[in-house]
Amino acid sequence: MVFGWDGRGQLYLEWQQAGGWKRAWVQNKAGTEKDWAGSGRYLNVVRCNKPGRPGGNPTDFPIFNDLPEEQLLISFVYAASSITGLALPPVSVALAAYQAALSGRPVK
């Protein structure tokens, strides 16, 4: 599991699933024509060609709560992995990865 920030400053979480990689991130679409559900925020998920290289068309899920991005991402990855039968490390490992990403984040 790897947390990072993309070129738009959006927090993402990448994880390996069945030999491939996936990326999830929260996108703010409030006030745009792309806010099709009227929720303002969307959880996006896409496959990665390799770690750090998303590819394909993302799927977006509207978010109707005010949970912080890191909680949304961790919850989604663990829920999707549980449904598909993928074993992941304890949540404490994901939280440690997030803390490590925070400590290395460039200041803007």
Protein backbone atom coordinates (compact mmCIF):
# COMPACT_ATOMS: atom_id res chain seq x y z
CA MET A 1 0.00 0.00 0.00
CA VAL A 2 1.39 3.35 -1.02
CA PHE A 3 -0.02 6.80 -0.32
CA GLY A 4 1.03 9.79 -2.37
CA TRP A 5 -0.11 13.02 -3.97
CA ASP A 6 -0.68 13.40 -7.68
CA GLY A 7 0.14 16.40 -9.87
CA ARG A 8 -3.13 18.06 -8.83
CA GLY A 9 -2.32 17.74 -5.15
CA GLN A 10 -4.91 14.99 -4.63
CA LEU A 11 -4.14 12.28 -2.07
CA TYR A 12 -4.15 8.78 -3.55
CA LEU A 13 -3.71 5.22 -2.32
CA GLU A 14 -2.25 2.49 -4.52
CA TRP A 15 -2.42 -1.19 -3.66
CA GLN A 16 -1.59 -4.47 -5.35
CA GLN A 17 -4.40 -6.82 -6.28
CA ALA A 18 -3.90 -10.18 -8.01
CA GLY A 19 -0.59 -9.16 -9.56
CA GLY A 20 -1.86 -5.78 -10.76
CA TRP A 21 -2.04 -2.38 -9.14
CA LYS A 22 -5.05 -0.13 -8.47
CA ARG A 23 -5.23 3.53 -7.49
CA ALA A 24 -8.01 5.26 -5.56
CA TRP A 25 -8.31 8.99 -4.87
CA VAL A 26 -10.90 11.55 -3.86
CA GLN A 27 -11.71 14.22 -6.41
CA ASN A 28 -13.51 17.50 -5.72
CA LYS A 29 -16.04 18.23 -8.49
CA ALA A 30 -18.18 20.73 -6.54
CA GLY A 31 -19.51 23.55 -8.69
CA THR A 32 -18.59 21.85 -11.98
CA GLU A 33 -20.63 20.15 -14.69
CA LYS A 34 -18.92 16.89 -13.69
CA ASP A 35 -20.69 16.87 -10.29
CA TRP A 36 -23.38 14.57 -11.69
CA ALA A 37 -24.64 13.37 -8.28
CA GLY A 38 -24.52 16.76 -6.57
CA SER A 39 -22.24 15.38 -3.85
CA GLY A 40 -19.21 17.54 -4.62
CA ARG A 41 -16.69 14.78 -3.88
CA TYR A 42 -16.11 11.49 -5.67
CA LEU A 43 -14.04 8.41 -4.95
CA ASN A 44 -12.22 7.45 -8.17
CA VAL A 45 -10.68 4.06 -8.84
CA VAL A 46 -8.50 3.03 -11.79
CA ARG A 47 -6.04 0.29 -12.67
CA CYS A 48 -2.33 1.08 -12.90
CA ASN A 49 -0.07 -0.07 -15.72
CA LYS A 50 2.59 -0.29 -13.00
CA PRO A 51 2.94 1.39 -9.59
CA GLY A 52 2.71 5.15 -9.97
CA ARG A 53 1.33 4.93 -13.53
CA PRO A 54 -2.50 4.93 -13.62
CA GLY A 55 -4.11 3.90 -16.89
CA GLY A 56 -7.57 3.43 -18.30
CA ASN A 57 -10.78 5.17 -17.38
CA PRO A 58 -11.52 5.72 -13.69
CA THR A 59 -14.84 4.82 -12.14
CA ASP A 60 -16.27 7.43 -9.79
CA PHE A 61 -18.47 6.92 -6.74
CA PRO A 62 -20.23 9.96 -5.22
CA ILE A 63 -19.41 10.66 -1.57
CA PHE A 64 -22.24 11.91 0.63
CA ASN A 65 -20.34 12.37 3.90
CA ASP A 66 -17.56 14.54 5.27
CA LEU A 67 -15.04 11.84 6.22
CA PRO A 68 -11.39 12.81 5.63
CA GLU A 69 -9.82 11.55 2.42
CA GLU A 70 -7.46 9.11 4.12
CA GLN A 71 -10.37 7.43 5.95
CA LEU A 72 -12.37 7.12 2.73
CA LEU A 73 -9.43 5.61 0.85
CA ILE A 74 -8.47 3.13 3.55
CA SER A 75 -12.10 2.08 4.10
CA PHE A 76 -12.69 1.59 0.38
CA VAL A 77 -9.55 -0.46 -0.21
CA TYR A 78 -10.22 -2.74 2.76
CA ALA A 79 -13.90 -3.17 1.87
CA ALA A 80 -13.19 -3.94 -1.81
CA SER A 81 -10.39 -6.31 -0.84
CA SER A 82 -12.61 -8.12 1.64
CA ILE A 83 -15.32 -8.58 -1.00
CA THR A 84 -12.86 -9.89 -3.59
CA GLY A 85 -11.01 -12.10 -1.11
CA LEU A 86 -7.69 -10.27 -1.18
CA ALA A 87 -5.78 -10.45 2.08
CA LEU A 88 -4.31 -7.13 3.22
CA PRO A 89 -2.09 -6.25 6.16
CA PRO A 90 -3.71 -4.87 9.33
CA VAL A 91 -5.19 -1.37 9.06
CA SER A 92 -2.38 -0.14 11.30
CA VAL A 93 -0.01 -0.76 8.36
CA ALA A 94 -2.15 1.47 6.11
CA LEU A 95 -2.19 4.19 8.76
CA ALA A 96 1.60 3.95 9.12
CA ALA A 97 1.95 4.28 5.33
CA TYR A 98 -0.23 7.39 5.43
CA GLN A 99 1.84 8.91 8.25
CA ALA A 100 5.03 8.16 6.32
CA ALA A 101 3.60 9.87 3.24
CA LEU A 102 2.67 12.91 5.33
CA SER A 103 6.20 13.23 6.67
CA GLY A 104 7.64 13.25 3.15
CA ARG A 105 5.03 15.51 1.55
CA PRO A 106 6.46 18.60 -0.12
CA VAL A 107 5.23 21.86 1.36
CA LYS A 108 3.37 24.07 -1.14
